[in-house]
Amino acid sequence: MRKEIVICSSDELCALDYNLQENKFISRGCSQYNEPRVHIYDGRYHTSFDVECNHNLCNTDETISQIKTILANYGLTDTNGRRVADGNKQMVSSLLMKLTLIFIVFYSF
């Protein structure tokens, strides 16, 4: 029952733990926390998020899809839920730095 959708009682929150790197549920169930929350863990070898919400059936694939959309809209991940590569961020930063220096050199003389 660890990976099946669960209906919780009125005093429990619906919960799920999802592995973003492997695109699979680690667990689904009910929790005793008193308020809804989303925690994102982004480590070197493990990326996942935990969700607790106060609506029944919020531990579905649709919930995961909506969270991935929100994270992508704010630039925290790509559209598939993977984190944005640090190399891409550094490439853009160095490109902007070079363009700024070129702009300063041409317009100062």
Protein backbone atom coordinates (compact mmCIF):
# COMPACT_ATOMS: atom_id res chain seq x y z
CA MET A 1 0.00 0.00 0.00
CA ARG A 2 3.07 2.21 0.04
CA LYS A 3 2.66 3.41 -3.56
CA GLU A 4 -1.13 3.44 -3.88
CA ILE A 5 -3.42 6.45 -3.53
CA VAL A 6 -4.71 6.70 0.04
CA ILE A 7 -7.79 8.42 1.51
CA CYS A 8 -7.00 9.94 4.93
CA SER A 9 -9.24 10.61 7.91
CA SER A 10 -10.37 14.16 8.75
CA ASP A 11 -7.62 14.72 11.34
CA GLU A 12 -4.78 13.59 9.02
CA LEU A 13 -3.10 15.15 6.02
CA CYS A 14 -2.64 13.45 2.69
CA ALA A 15 1.12 12.93 2.07
CA LEU A 16 3.51 11.80 -0.63
CA ASP A 17 7.25 11.54 -1.15
CA TYR A 18 8.41 11.72 -4.78
CA ASN A 19 11.89 11.11 -6.25
CA LEU A 20 12.51 13.66 -9.02
CA GLN A 21 15.60 11.96 -10.44
CA GLU A 22 13.90 8.60 -10.95
CA ASN A 23 10.38 10.02 -11.58
CA LYS A 24 8.72 7.64 -9.14
CA PHE A 25 6.85 7.72 -5.87
CA ILE A 26 8.81 6.75 -2.79
CA SER A 27 5.71 6.63 -0.60
CA ARG A 28 2.11 7.81 -0.34
CA GLY A 29 0.01 7.89 2.78
CA CYS A 30 -1.31 10.01 5.63
CA SER A 31 0.61 12.20 8.08
CA GLN A 32 -0.08 13.85 11.42
CA TYR A 33 1.31 17.32 10.55
CA ASN A 34 -1.05 20.17 11.32
CA GLU A 35 -0.62 22.28 8.20
CA PRO A 36 -0.11 21.72 4.46
CA ARG A 37 3.46 21.99 3.18
CA VAL A 38 5.81 21.20 0.32
CA HIS A 39 9.48 20.44 1.11
CA ILE A 40 12.02 20.12 -1.66
CA TYR A 41 15.29 18.27 -1.07
CA ASP A 42 18.00 18.99 -3.61
CA GLY A 43 21.22 17.18 -2.85
CA ARG A 44 24.09 16.08 -5.00
CA TYR A 45 22.82 12.50 -5.37
CA HIS A 46 19.18 12.74 -4.32
CA THR A 47 16.43 15.16 -5.36
CA SER A 48 12.90 14.72 -4.08
CA PHE A 49 9.97 16.53 -2.59
CA ASP A 50 7.53 15.79 0.20
CA VAL A 51 3.97 17.07 0.04
CA GLU A 52 1.37 17.20 2.80
CA CYS A 53 -2.02 18.69 1.92
CA ASN A 54 -5.42 18.91 3.58
CA HIS A 55 -7.50 17.60 0.66
CA ASN A 56 -8.22 13.96 0.02
CA LEU A 57 -6.60 12.36 -3.01
CA CYS A 58 -3.88 14.99 -3.30
CA ASN A 59 -1.23 12.27 -3.47
CA THR A 60 -1.93 11.53 -7.14
CA ASP A 61 0.05 11.93 -10.35
CA GLU A 62 -1.92 15.13 -11.05
CA THR A 63 -0.54 16.73 -7.88
CA ILE A 64 3.01 15.89 -8.95
CA SER A 65 2.35 17.36 -12.38
CA GLN A 66 1.02 20.61 -10.91
CA ILE A 67 3.98 20.97 -8.55
CA LYS A 68 6.41 20.38 -11.42
CA THR A 69 4.61 23.09 -13.42
CA ILE A 70 4.88 25.59 -10.56
CA LEU A 71 8.59 24.85 -10.06
CA ALA A 72 9.23 25.21 -13.81
CA ASN A 73 7.28 28.50 -13.99
CA TYR A 74 9.56 29.99 -11.34
CA GLY A 75 12.72 28.70 -13.04
CA LEU A 76 13.63 26.24 -10.29
CA THR A 77 13.44 23.16 -12.55
CA ASP A 78 12.89 22.39 -16.21
CA THR A 79 9.48 21.25 -17.50
CA ASN A 80 10.24 17.62 -16.62
CA GLY A 81 10.96 18.40 -12.98
CA ARG A 82 14.74 18.17 -13.29
CA ARG A 83 16.85 20.90 -11.77
CA VAL A 84 18.42 23.48 -14.04
CA ALA A 85 22.05 22.64 -14.75
CA ASP A 86 24.59 24.82 -12.95
CA GLY A 87 26.73 24.84 -16.08
CA ASN A 88 23.99 26.58 -18.03
CA LYS A 89 23.71 29.25 -15.35
CA GLN A 90 27.48 29.84 -15.44
CA MET A 91 27.50 30.00 -19.24
CA VAL A 92 24.82 32.68 -19.26
CA SER A 93 26.59 34.63 -16.53
CA SER A 94 29.94 34.58 -18.35
CA LEU A 95 28.26 35.55 -21.63
CA LEU A 96 26.59 38.53 -19.98
CA MET A 97 29.88 39.56 -18.38
CA LYS A 98 31.67 39.45 -21.75
CA LEU A 99 28.93 41.45 -23.45
CA THR A 100 29.05 44.03 -20.67
CA LEU A 101 32.82 44.41 -21.02
CA ILE A 102 32.55 44.74 -24.81
CA PHE A 103 29.83 47.36 -24.39
CA ILE A 104 31.98 49.36 -21.93
CA VAL A 105 35.08 49.18 -24.15
CA PHE A 106 33.28 50.32 -27.32
CA TYR A 107 31.32 53.12 -25.72
CA SER A 108 34.13 54.51 -23.58
CA PHE A 109 36.41 55.29 -26.55
